[in-house]
Structure formats: structure tokens, C-alpha cells
Amino acid sequence: MRASLRVLKGEHLALKGIARVLKMEALVLERGGRVDLEVLRDVVAYVREFPMRFHHPKEEMVLFPALSGRSPEVDALIVRLSDEHAAEERLVRRLDQAVAAYPGDGDASLIDAAKAYAAYLEEHVHLEDHHLFVLAERLLPPSAWDAVDAMLGQAGLAGEDTAELDRFARLHLRIMDAALPPFGG
């Protein structure tokens, strides 16, 4: 697997973990339980910034341009994914508002917002992992991959703030540690 795809798939794995936490928290509410607001505030802090500042630019500034014009199928997919990236901000804002209003607004708005964002993440990541990346592997010649890998590589986009990336990695770990039960527990 190309280094750039390893970076993007690793970030997708982190986002799928966030989706799992949101689904679990929604389930807790549906069963009459109480959620951990600190975890949900951390989730909001993570999704408010990480995808928009670090993840989407890798796709929109590097991978999408490298693929653009290589087939009608990939061009249509790029348009769809770009539209989804733009719509994601609305879903994050809705989740943020639901977390901020909880418990005053009751459980329903938080359940709906958590489920909606989790479903978006799962569907969007699946589309990229199983369609966009497959097309990229088929359509990009080695020279184009070399350029994409040089721009992304192991560390991500050149010029990314590694201290900020480390902060998000620690925040993600804190969310996973606090929200997910231990294996075998």
C-alpha cells in the first residue's frame, strides 16, 4: 500500500472509532442511561477541527487533484466527496449544539445528532476506502503516486503542525480510553 494511502486510512480508522463512540453513546441514551458529557465534549472538539484542518486538505489538495480528469467515474466521485466534506460542517455544528444543550433539551436531539454524524462518518469513510482509493490505485501511474506520496508520505501534508497533530492523537486516545470498554471486560 502506498504511504499516502496508509496515512489516509489511518485517519479513517480514527474517525471510525469516533463513529463507534457516538453510536454507543446514542445507545446508552436510548436505553435510558446517562452519557459522559466530558467524552462528548472531547468528541466535538476532535471532529470540529481534525477532519477540516488536517484530514480533508490531504484529500482535497493532494489526492483529488491527482485523480481529477482521469475518468468520469472518479470525477463524479470527487464532486460527491467534496460536497460531503462541505456538508460535514453542518453535522458537526448540529452535534456541537446538541451536546451543549444536553441534558436540558432531553435525549432525542443528542441521539439524533450523534447517530446522524456517526452514519455520515461510516458511509463517507467506506466510500473513500472502498471506491476512491480503489480507483486511485487503478488510475494513478507510478509517477503520480510518487508525487502524492512525496506530498503526504508518512507524516502527512508538508507544513502540518506536528504539535497539533500530537494534540489530536492524545485527544483521540483519551476519547477511546474513556468511552470504549476494555477488551475482555
N, C-alpha and C. Protein backbone atom coordinates (compact mmCIF):
# COMPACT_ATOMS: atom_id res chain seq x y z
N MET A 1 0.84 -1.18 0.00
CA MET A 1 0.00 0.00 0.00
C MET A 1 0.89 1.24 0.00
N ARG A 2 0.49 2.22 -0.76
CA ARG A 2 1.24 3.47 -0.85
C ARG A 2 1.25 4.19 0.50
N ALA A 3 2.33 4.91 0.77
CA ALA A 3 2.48 5.63 2.04
C ALA A 3 1.34 6.62 2.25
N SER A 4 0.93 7.31 1.20
CA SER A 4 -0.14 8.29 1.33
C SER A 4 -1.47 7.62 1.70
N LEU A 5 -1.75 6.46 1.14
CA LEU A 5 -2.98 5.76 1.49
C LEU A 5 -2.92 5.23 2.91
N ARG A 6 -1.74 4.84 3.38
CA ARG A 6 -1.60 4.41 4.78
C ARG A 6 -1.96 5.57 5.72
N VAL A 7 -1.50 6.78 5.39
CA VAL A 7 -1.81 7.95 6.20
C VAL A 7 -3.31 8.18 6.23
N LEU A 8 -3.93 8.22 5.05
CA LEU A 8 -5.37 8.50 4.95
C LEU A 8 -6.20 7.40 5.61
N LYS A 9 -5.83 6.15 5.40
CA LYS A 9 -6.58 5.04 6.02
C LYS A 9 -6.40 5.03 7.53
N GLY A 10 -5.25 5.42 8.02
CA GLY A 10 -5.05 5.53 9.46
C GLY A 10 -5.96 6.59 10.06
N GLU A 11 -6.10 7.71 9.36
CA GLU A 11 -7.01 8.75 9.83
C GLU A 11 -8.46 8.28 9.75
N HIS A 12 -8.78 7.52 8.71
CA HIS A 12 -10.13 6.96 8.60
C HIS A 12 -10.42 6.02 9.76
N LEU A 13 -9.45 5.23 10.15
CA LEU A 13 -9.64 4.33 11.28
C LEU A 13 -9.95 5.12 12.55
N ALA A 14 -9.24 6.22 12.74
CA ALA A 14 -9.50 7.07 13.90
C ALA A 14 -10.92 7.64 13.85
N LEU A 15 -11.36 8.07 12.68
CA LEU A 15 -12.71 8.62 12.54
C LEU A 15 -13.78 7.55 12.73
N LYS A 16 -13.50 6.33 12.29
CA LYS A 16 -14.45 5.24 12.54
C LYS A 16 -14.56 4.95 14.03
N GLY A 17 -13.48 5.12 14.77
CA GLY A 17 -13.54 4.98 16.22
C GLY A 17 -14.46 6.03 16.84
N ILE A 18 -14.39 7.24 16.33
CA ILE A 18 -15.27 8.32 16.80
C ILE A 18 -16.73 7.95 16.51
N ALA A 19 -16.98 7.41 15.31
CA ALA A 19 -18.35 7.00 14.95
C ALA A 19 -18.85 5.94 15.93
N ARG A 20 -17.99 5.02 16.27
CA ARG A 20 -18.38 3.94 17.21
C ARG A 20 -18.74 4.52 18.57
N VAL A 21 -17.95 5.47 19.05
CA VAL A 21 -18.24 6.10 20.34
C VAL A 21 -19.60 6.81 20.28
N LEU A 22 -19.86 7.53 19.21
CA LEU A 22 -21.14 8.24 19.09
C LEU A 22 -22.31 7.27 19.06
N LYS A 23 -22.17 6.18 18.35
CA LYS A 23 -23.24 5.18 18.30
C LYS A 23 -23.47 4.56 19.68
N MET A 24 -22.40 4.31 20.41
CA MET A 24 -22.54 3.73 21.75
C MET A 24 -23.20 4.72 22.71
N GLU A 25 -22.82 5.98 22.62
CA GLU A 25 -23.43 6.98 23.49
C GLU A 25 -24.91 7.15 23.17
N ALA A 26 -25.28 7.11 21.89
CA ALA A 26 -26.69 7.20 21.49
C ALA A 26 -27.46 6.00 22.05
N LEU A 27 -26.85 4.84 22.00
CA LEU A 27 -27.49 3.63 22.52
C LEU A 27 -27.70 3.73 24.03
N VAL A 28 -26.73 4.26 24.74
CA VAL A 28 -26.87 4.46 26.18
C VAL A 28 -28.09 5.35 26.46
N LEU A 29 -28.21 6.43 25.70
CA LEU A 29 -29.36 7.33 25.89
C LEU A 29 -30.67 6.64 25.54
N GLU A 30 -30.68 5.89 24.47
CA GLU A 30 -31.90 5.19 24.06
C GLU A 30 -32.35 4.18 25.12
N ARG A 31 -31.42 3.66 25.86
CA ARG A 31 -31.74 2.67 26.91
C ARG A 31 -31.99 3.33 28.26
N GLY A 32 -32.05 4.67 28.26
CA GLY A 32 -32.38 5.39 29.49
C GLY A 32 -31.20 5.75 30.36
N GLY A 33 -29.99 5.53 29.86
CA GLY A 33 -28.80 5.85 30.64
C GLY A 33 -28.37 7.30 30.46
N ARG A 34 -27.30 7.64 31.13
CA ARG A 34 -26.72 8.98 31.03
C ARG A 34 -25.38 8.87 30.32
N VAL A 35 -25.08 9.85 29.50
CA VAL A 35 -23.82 9.85 28.77
C VAL A 35 -22.76 10.61 29.54
N ASP A 36 -21.53 10.37 29.18
CA ASP A 36 -20.40 11.08 29.76
C ASP A 36 -20.20 12.35 28.94
N LEU A 37 -20.63 13.48 29.50
CA LEU A 37 -20.54 14.75 28.77
C LEU A 37 -19.11 15.14 28.44
N GLU A 38 -18.18 14.79 29.29
CA GLU A 38 -16.77 15.12 29.01
C GLU A 38 -16.31 14.39 27.75
N VAL A 39 -16.69 13.14 27.60
CA VAL A 39 -16.34 12.39 26.39
C VAL A 39 -16.98 13.05 25.17
N LEU A 40 -18.25 13.40 25.27
CA LEU A 40 -18.92 14.02 24.13
C LEU A 40 -18.33 15.39 23.79
N ARG A 41 -17.95 16.13 24.80
CA ARG A 41 -17.29 17.43 24.52
C ARG A 41 -15.94 17.20 23.83
N ASP A 42 -15.23 16.17 24.24
CA ASP A 42 -13.97 15.83 23.58
C ASP A 42 -14.21 15.40 22.13
N VAL A 43 -15.26 14.62 21.91
CA VAL A 43 -15.60 14.21 20.54
C VAL A 43 -15.86 15.43 19.68
N VAL A 44 -16.65 16.35 20.20
CA VAL A 44 -16.96 17.57 19.44
C VAL A 44 -15.68 18.36 19.15
N ALA A 45 -14.81 18.50 20.15
CA ALA A 45 -13.55 19.22 19.94
C ALA A 45 -12.72 18.54 18.84
N TYR A 46 -12.72 17.23 18.83
CA TYR A 46 -11.96 16.48 17.83
C TYR A 46 -12.55 16.67 16.44
N VAL A 47 -13.85 16.44 16.30
CA VAL A 47 -14.44 16.48 14.95
C VAL A 47 -14.65 17.90 14.44
N ARG A 48 -14.66 18.88 15.32
CA ARG A 48 -14.79 20.26 14.89
C ARG A 48 -13.53 20.70 14.14
N GLU A 49 -12.39 20.12 14.50
CA GLU A 49 -11.15 20.58 13.91
C GLU A 49 -10.40 19.55 13.08
N PHE A 50 -10.22 18.34 13.60
CA PHE A 50 -9.32 17.40 12.92
C PHE A 50 -9.69 17.13 11.46
N PRO A 51 -10.92 16.74 11.15
CA PRO A 51 -11.21 16.45 9.73
C PRO A 51 -11.01 17.67 8.83
N MET A 52 -11.47 18.84 9.28
CA MET A 52 -11.44 20.03 8.43
C MET A 52 -10.02 20.61 8.28
N ARG A 53 -9.26 20.58 9.35
CA ARG A 53 -7.92 21.19 9.32
C ARG A 53 -6.83 20.26 8.81
N PHE A 54 -6.99 18.95 9.07
CA PHE A 54 -5.90 18.04 8.76
C PHE A 54 -6.25 16.95 7.76
N HIS A 55 -7.42 16.38 7.87
CA HIS A 55 -7.74 15.23 7.01
C HIS A 55 -8.22 15.65 5.61
N HIS A 56 -9.28 16.43 5.56
CA HIS A 56 -9.83 16.81 4.25
C HIS A 56 -8.82 17.53 3.36
N PRO A 57 -7.98 18.42 3.89
CA PRO A 57 -7.00 19.05 2.99
C PRO A 57 -6.08 18.06 2.28
N LYS A 58 -5.74 16.95 2.93
CA LYS A 58 -4.91 15.95 2.27
C LYS A 58 -5.62 15.40 1.05
N GLU A 59 -6.91 15.17 1.18
CA GLU A 59 -7.68 14.65 0.06
C GLU A 59 -7.92 15.73 -0.99
N GLU A 60 -8.38 16.89 -0.53
CA GLU A 60 -8.80 17.95 -1.44
C GLU A 60 -7.63 18.66 -2.13
N MET A 61 -6.49 18.75 -1.47
CA MET A 61 -5.35 19.48 -2.04
C MET A 61 -4.34 18.56 -2.72
N VAL A 62 -4.40 17.27 -2.44
CA VAL A 62 -3.39 16.36 -2.99
C VAL A 62 -4.04 15.24 -3.81
N LEU A 63 -4.84 14.39 -3.17
CA LEU A 63 -5.35 13.21 -3.87
C LEU A 63 -6.38 13.57 -4.95
N PHE A 64 -7.36 14.41 -4.62
CA PHE A 64 -8.37 14.76 -5.61
C PHE A 64 -7.76 15.38 -6.86
N PRO A 65 -6.86 16.38 -6.72
CA PRO A 65 -6.25 16.94 -7.94
C PRO A 65 -5.46 15.91 -8.76
N ALA A 66 -4.79 14.99 -8.06
CA ALA A 66 -4.03 13.96 -8.79
C ALA A 66 -4.95 13.06 -9.60
N LEU A 67 -6.17 12.83 -9.10
CA LEU A 67 -7.12 11.94 -9.77
C LEU A 67 -8.01 12.65 -10.78
N SER A 68 -8.19 13.93 -10.59
CA SER A 68 -9.12 14.69 -11.42
C SER A 68 -8.82 14.53 -12.91
N GLY A 69 -9.88 14.26 -13.68
CA GLY A 69 -9.76 14.13 -15.13
C GLY A 69 -9.31 12.77 -15.62
N ARG A 70 -9.11 11.83 -14.72
CA ARG A 70 -8.62 10.51 -15.13
C ARG A 70 -9.74 9.55 -15.55
N SER A 71 -10.97 9.83 -15.12
CA SER A 71 -12.13 9.06 -15.58
C SER A 71 -13.39 9.80 -15.16
N PRO A 72 -14.48 9.64 -15.92
CA PRO A 72 -15.75 10.26 -15.50
C PRO A 72 -16.21 9.75 -14.14
N GLU A 73 -15.96 8.46 -13.86
CA GLU A 73 -16.37 7.88 -12.58
C GLU A 73 -15.65 8.56 -11.42
N VAL A 74 -14.36 8.74 -11.55
CA VAL A 74 -13.61 9.35 -10.45
C VAL A 74 -13.96 10.84 -10.32
N ASP A 75 -14.21 11.50 -11.44
CA ASP A 75 -14.60 12.92 -11.36
C ASP A 75 -15.92 13.08 -10.62
N ALA A 76 -16.90 12.22 -10.91
CA ALA A 76 -18.19 12.28 -10.23
C ALA A 76 -18.02 11.98 -8.74
N LEU A 77 -17.16 11.03 -8.43
CA LEU A 77 -16.91 10.67 -7.03
C LEU A 77 -16.25 11.82 -6.28
N ILE A 78 -15.32 12.51 -6.92
CA ILE A 78 -14.66 13.66 -6.29
C ILE A 78 -15.67 14.75 -5.98
N VAL A 79 -16.58 15.01 -6.91
CA VAL A 79 -17.63 16.02 -6.66
C VAL A 79 -18.47 15.61 -5.47
N ARG A 80 -18.89 14.36 -5.45
CA ARG A 80 -19.71 13.87 -4.33
C ARG A 80 -18.98 13.98 -3.00
N LEU A 81 -17.72 13.55 -2.97
CA LEU A 81 -16.96 13.59 -1.72
C LEU A 81 -16.70 15.03 -1.27
N SER A 82 -16.43 15.91 -2.19
CA SER A 82 -16.24 17.33 -1.86
C SER A 82 -17.51 17.92 -1.27
N ASP A 83 -18.66 17.57 -1.86
CA ASP A 83 -19.94 18.03 -1.33
C ASP A 83 -20.16 17.47 0.08
N GLU A 84 -19.80 16.22 0.29
CA GLU A 84 -19.95 15.63 1.62
C GLU A 84 -19.04 16.31 2.64
N HIS A 85 -17.82 16.66 2.23
CA HIS A 85 -16.93 17.38 3.14
C HIS A 85 -17.58 18.69 3.58
N ALA A 86 -18.18 19.40 2.62
CA ALA A 86 -18.83 20.67 2.95
C ALA A 86 -20.02 20.45 3.88
N ALA A 87 -20.80 19.41 3.64
CA ALA A 87 -21.98 19.12 4.46
C ALA A 87 -21.59 18.66 5.86
N GLU A 88 -20.41 18.12 6.00
CA GLU A 88 -19.97 17.62 7.32
C GLU A 88 -19.98 18.73 8.36
N GLU A 89 -19.64 19.93 7.96
CA GLU A 89 -19.61 21.03 8.93
C GLU A 89 -20.98 21.25 9.57
N ARG A 90 -22.04 21.08 8.80
CA ARG A 90 -23.40 21.22 9.32
C ARG A 90 -23.69 20.14 10.36
N LEU A 91 -23.27 18.90 10.07
CA LEU A 91 -23.49 17.80 11.01
C LEU A 91 -22.70 18.00 12.30
N VAL A 92 -21.49 18.51 12.18
CA VAL A 92 -20.67 18.77 13.37
C VAL A 92 -21.31 19.88 14.21
N ARG A 93 -21.77 20.92 13.54
CA ARG A 93 -22.43 22.03 14.25
C ARG A 93 -23.68 21.52 14.99
N ARG A 94 -24.46 20.65 14.34
CA ARG A 94 -25.65 20.08 14.96
C ARG A 94 -25.27 19.25 16.20
N LEU A 95 -24.21 18.44 16.09
CA LEU A 95 -23.74 17.65 17.22
C LEU A 95 -23.26 18.56 18.35
N ASP A 96 -22.50 19.58 18.00
CA ASP A 96 -22.00 20.53 18.99
C ASP A 96 -23.16 21.18 19.75
N GLN A 97 -24.18 21.61 19.03
CA GLN A 97 -25.33 22.24 19.66
C GLN A 97 -26.09 21.26 20.55
N ALA A 98 -26.22 20.03 20.12
CA ALA A 98 -26.93 19.03 20.91
C ALA A 98 -26.17 18.70 22.20
N VAL A 99 -24.85 18.62 22.11
CA VAL A 99 -24.04 18.35 23.31
C VAL A 99 -24.13 19.54 24.26
N ALA A 100 -24.04 20.75 23.71
CA ALA A 100 -24.11 21.95 24.55
C ALA A 100 -25.46 22.08 25.25
N ALA A 101 -26.53 21.64 24.61
CA ALA A 101 -27.88 21.77 25.16
C ALA A 101 -28.25 20.62 26.10
N TYR A 102 -27.46 19.56 26.11
CA TYR A 102 -27.77 18.39 26.92
C TYR A 102 -27.46 18.68 28.38
N PRO A 103 -28.24 18.27 29.36
CA PRO A 103 -29.45 17.48 29.26
C PRO A 103 -30.72 18.30 29.12
N GLY A 104 -30.61 19.63 29.09
CA GLY A 104 -31.79 20.49 29.06
C GLY A 104 -32.76 20.21 27.93
N ASP A 105 -32.24 19.90 26.74
CA ASP A 105 -33.11 19.64 25.60
C ASP A 105 -33.58 18.18 25.54
N GLY A 106 -33.19 17.40 26.52
CA GLY A 106 -33.58 16.00 26.52
C GLY A 106 -32.64 15.16 25.67
N ASP A 107 -32.99 13.91 25.55
CA ASP A 107 -32.12 12.95 24.88
C ASP A 107 -32.28 12.93 23.37
N ALA A 108 -33.47 13.23 22.87
CA ALA A 108 -33.79 13.00 21.45
C ALA A 108 -32.86 13.75 20.50
N SER A 109 -32.60 15.02 20.77
CA SER A 109 -31.75 15.77 19.83
C SER A 109 -30.31 15.26 19.86
N LEU A 110 -29.83 14.86 21.01
CA LEU A 110 -28.47 14.33 21.09
C LEU A 110 -28.39 12.97 20.42
N ILE A 111 -29.39 12.13 20.64
CA ILE A 111 -29.41 10.82 19.97
C ILE A 111 -29.40 11.02 18.46
N ASP A 112 -30.27 11.88 17.96
CA ASP A 112 -30.36 12.11 16.51
C ASP A 112 -29.06 12.67 15.94
N ALA A 113 -28.48 13.65 16.62
CA ALA A 113 -27.25 14.27 16.13
C ALA A 113 -26.08 13.28 16.15
N ALA A 114 -25.98 12.50 17.22
CA ALA A 114 -24.89 11.52 17.32
C ALA A 114 -25.03 10.45 16.25
N LYS A 115 -26.24 9.94 16.07
CA LYS A 115 -26.46 8.91 15.06
C LYS A 115 -26.23 9.44 13.65
N ALA A 116 -26.67 10.67 13.39
CA ALA A 116 -26.51 11.25 12.05
C ALA A 116 -25.03 11.43 11.71
N TYR A 117 -24.26 11.95 12.65
CA TYR A 117 -22.84 12.15 12.35
C TYR A 117 -22.10 10.81 12.25
N ALA A 118 -22.44 9.87 13.12
CA ALA A 118 -21.82 8.54 13.05
C ALA A 118 -22.11 7.87 11.71
N ALA A 119 -23.36 7.95 11.26
CA ALA A 119 -23.72 7.35 9.98
C ALA A 119 -22.98 8.02 8.84
N TYR A 120 -22.89 9.35 8.89
CA TYR A 120 -22.14 10.08 7.87
C TYR A 120 -20.69 9.58 7.83
N LEU A 121 -20.04 9.54 8.99
CA LEU A 121 -18.64 9.12 9.03
C LEU A 121 -18.46 7.72 8.44
N GLU A 122 -19.30 6.79 8.85
CA GLU A 122 -19.17 5.42 8.37
C GLU A 122 -19.37 5.33 6.86
N GLU A 123 -20.39 5.98 6.36
CA GLU A 123 -20.67 5.93 4.91
C GLU A 123 -19.59 6.64 4.11
N HIS A 124 -19.17 7.80 4.58
CA HIS A 124 -18.17 8.59 3.86
C HIS A 124 -16.82 7.86 3.82
N VAL A 125 -16.40 7.35 4.95
CA VAL A 125 -15.13 6.63 5.02
C VAL A 125 -15.19 5.37 4.15
N HIS A 126 -16.31 4.67 4.18
CA HIS A 126 -16.46 3.48 3.34
C HIS A 126 -16.34 3.86 1.86
N LEU A 127 -16.97 4.93 1.46
CA LEU A 127 -16.91 5.37 0.07
C LEU A 127 -15.47 5.69 -0.34
N GLU A 128 -14.74 6.35 0.52
CA GLU A 128 -13.36 6.68 0.19
C GLU A 128 -12.47 5.43 0.19
N ASP A 129 -12.58 4.62 1.24
CA ASP A 129 -11.72 3.44 1.36
C ASP A 129 -11.98 2.41 0.26
N HIS A 130 -13.26 2.19 -0.06
CA HIS A 130 -13.61 1.09 -0.95
C HIS A 130 -13.91 1.50 -2.38
N HIS A 131 -13.96 2.79 -2.65
CA HIS A 131 -14.22 3.24 -4.01
C HIS A 131 -13.13 4.20 -4.49
N LEU A 132 -12.96 5.33 -3.77
CA LEU A 132 -11.96 6.30 -4.21
C LEU A 132 -10.56 5.71 -4.21
N PHE A 133 -10.17 5.05 -3.14
CA PHE A 133 -8.82 4.53 -3.06
C PHE A 133 -8.59 3.39 -4.05
N VAL A 134 -9.62 2.61 -4.31
CA VAL A 134 -9.51 1.54 -5.31
C VAL A 134 -9.31 2.16 -6.69
N LEU A 135 -10.09 3.19 -6.99
CA LEU A 135 -9.92 3.88 -8.27
C LEU A 135 -8.53 4.53 -8.36
N ALA A 136 -8.09 5.11 -7.27
CA ALA A 136 -6.77 5.74 -7.27
C ALA A 136 -5.68 4.71 -7.57
N GLU A 137 -5.76 3.55 -6.94
CA GLU A 137 -4.75 2.52 -7.17
C GLU A 137 -4.77 2.04 -8.62
N ARG A 138 -5.95 2.06 -9.23
CA ARG A 138 -6.08 1.61 -10.61
C ARG A 138 -5.67 2.69 -11.61
N LEU A 139 -5.98 3.96 -11.32
CA LEU A 139 -5.83 5.02 -12.31
C LEU A 139 -4.52 5.79 -12.24
N LEU A 140 -3.94 5.91 -11.07
CA LEU A 140 -2.74 6.74 -10.95
C LEU A 140 -1.50 5.97 -11.38
N PRO A 141 -0.73 6.56 -12.29
CA PRO A 141 0.53 5.93 -12.67
C PRO A 141 1.58 6.11 -11.57
N PRO A 142 2.64 5.32 -11.60
CA PRO A 142 3.66 5.42 -10.55
C PRO A 142 4.20 6.84 -10.33
N SER A 143 4.38 7.60 -11.39
CA SER A 143 4.90 8.96 -11.22
C SER A 143 3.93 9.84 -10.44
N ALA A 144 2.63 9.66 -10.66
CA ALA A 144 1.64 10.43 -9.91
C ALA A 144 1.63 9.99 -8.45
N TRP A 145 1.74 8.68 -8.21
CA TRP A 145 1.82 8.19 -6.84
C TRP A 145 3.05 8.73 -6.13
N ASP A 146 4.16 8.79 -6.85
CA ASP A 146 5.38 9.33 -6.23
C ASP A 146 5.16 10.76 -5.77
N ALA A 147 4.46 11.55 -6.59
CA ALA A 147 4.19 12.94 -6.23
C ALA A 147 3.23 13.01 -5.03
N VAL A 148 2.18 12.19 -5.04
CA VAL A 148 1.22 12.18 -3.92
C VAL A 148 1.93 11.73 -2.64
N ASP A 149 2.72 10.67 -2.74
CA ASP A 149 3.45 10.19 -1.56
C ASP A 149 4.44 11.24 -1.05
N ALA A 150 5.06 11.96 -1.94
CA ALA A 150 6.01 13.00 -1.53
C ALA A 150 5.30 14.11 -0.76
N MET A 151 4.07 14.42 -1.18
CA MET A 151 3.31 15.49 -0.50
C MET A 151 2.70 15.02 0.81
N LEU A 152 2.35 13.75 0.89
CA LEU A 152 1.72 13.23 2.11
C LEU A 152 2.68 12.38 2.91
N GLY A 153 3.16 11.32 2.29
CA GLY A 153 4.13 10.45 2.95
C GLY A 153 3.69 9.97 4.31
N GLN A 154 4.65 9.63 5.14
CA GLN A 154 4.37 9.09 6.47
C GLN A 154 3.85 10.17 7.42
N ALA A 155 4.30 11.40 7.25
CA ALA A 155 3.98 12.44 8.23
C ALA A 155 2.76 13.26 7.86
N GLY A 156 2.20 13.05 6.71
CA GLY A 156 1.07 13.86 6.30
C GLY A 156 1.52 15.04 5.46
N LEU A 157 0.65 16.01 5.30
CA LEU A 157 0.93 17.17 4.46
C LEU A 157 2.13 17.94 4.98
N ALA A 158 2.98 18.34 4.05
CA ALA A 158 4.12 19.17 4.43
C ALA A 158 3.61 20.44 5.10
N GLY A 159 4.26 20.84 6.15
CA GLY A 159 3.87 22.05 6.85
C GLY A 159 2.82 21.85 7.92
N GLU A 160 2.32 20.61 8.08
CA GLU A 160 1.36 20.37 9.15
C GLU A 160 2.04 20.59 10.50
N ASP A 161 1.29 21.13 11.41
CA ASP A 161 1.79 21.39 12.74
C ASP A 161 1.82 20.08 13.53
N THR A 162 3.01 19.53 13.71
CA THR A 162 3.11 18.22 14.37
C THR A 162 2.66 18.29 15.82
N ALA A 163 2.84 19.43 16.48
CA ALA A 163 2.36 19.56 17.85
C ALA A 163 0.84 19.47 17.88
N GLU A 164 0.18 20.07 16.91
CA GLU A 164 -1.28 19.99 16.83
C GLU A 164 -1.72 18.56 16.51
N LEU A 165 -1.02 17.91 15.61
CA LEU A 165 -1.36 16.52 15.30
C LEU A 165 -1.19 15.64 16.53
N ASP A 166 -0.14 15.88 17.29
CA ASP A 166 0.05 15.13 18.54
C ASP A 166 -1.07 15.40 19.53
N ARG A 167 -1.51 16.65 19.59
CA ARG A 167 -2.62 17.01 20.49
C ARG A 167 -3.88 16.24 20.10
N PHE A 168 -4.15 16.15 18.80
CA PHE A 168 -5.33 15.42 18.36
C PHE A 168 -5.18 13.92 18.60
N ALA A 169 -3.99 13.40 18.45
CA ALA A 169 -3.76 11.98 18.74
C ALA A 169 -4.02 11.69 20.21
N ARG A 170 -3.55 12.57 21.09
CA ARG A 170 -3.80 12.39 22.53
C ARG A 170 -5.29 12.53 22.86
N LEU A 171 -5.96 13.49 22.21
CA LEU A 171 -7.39 13.67 22.43
C LEU A 171 -8.15 12.44 21.97
N HIS A 172 -7.79 11.89 20.82
CA HIS A 172 -8.45 10.68 20.31
C HIS A 172 -8.23 9.52 21.28
N LEU A 173 -7.03 9.37 21.76
CA LEU A 173 -6.74 8.29 22.72
C LEU A 173 -7.56 8.46 24.00
N ARG A 174 -7.67 9.69 24.48
CA ARG A 174 -8.46 9.95 25.69
C ARG A 174 -9.93 9.58 25.46
N ILE A 175 -10.46 9.92 24.28
CA ILE A 175 -11.85 9.58 23.94
C ILE A 175 -12.02 8.06 23.93
N MET A 176 -11.13 7.37 23.24
CA MET A 176 -11.24 5.91 23.15
C MET A 176 -11.10 5.27 24.52
N ASP A 177 -10.17 5.73 25.32
CA ASP A 177 -9.96 5.15 26.65
C ASP A 177 -11.17 5.36 27.55
N ALA A 178 -11.78 6.53 27.46
CA ALA A 178 -12.90 6.86 28.35
C ALA A 178 -14.21 6.25 27.89
N ALA A 179 -14.38 6.07 26.58
CA ALA A 179 -15.69 5.70 26.05
C ALA A 179 -15.87 4.23 25.74
N LEU A 180 -14.80 3.55 25.42
CA LEU A 180 -14.94 2.17 24.98
C LEU A 180 -14.55 1.22 26.11
N PRO A 181 -15.33 0.17 26.29
CA PRO A 181 -14.99 -0.79 27.34
C PRO A 181 -13.71 -1.54 26.98
N PRO A 182 -12.96 -1.97 27.99
CA PRO A 182 -11.73 -2.73 27.70
C PRO A 182 -12.07 -4.09 27.11
N PHE A 183 -11.16 -4.63 26.33
CA PHE A 183 -11.35 -5.96 25.78
C PHE A 183 -11.42 -6.97 26.91
N GLY A 184 -12.32 -7.90 26.79
CA GLY A 184 -12.46 -8.95 27.79
C GLY A 184 -13.11 -8.48 29.08
N GLY A 185 -13.51 -7.19 29.12
CA GLY A 185 -14.09 -6.65 30.35
C GLY A 185 -15.54 -6.70 30.30
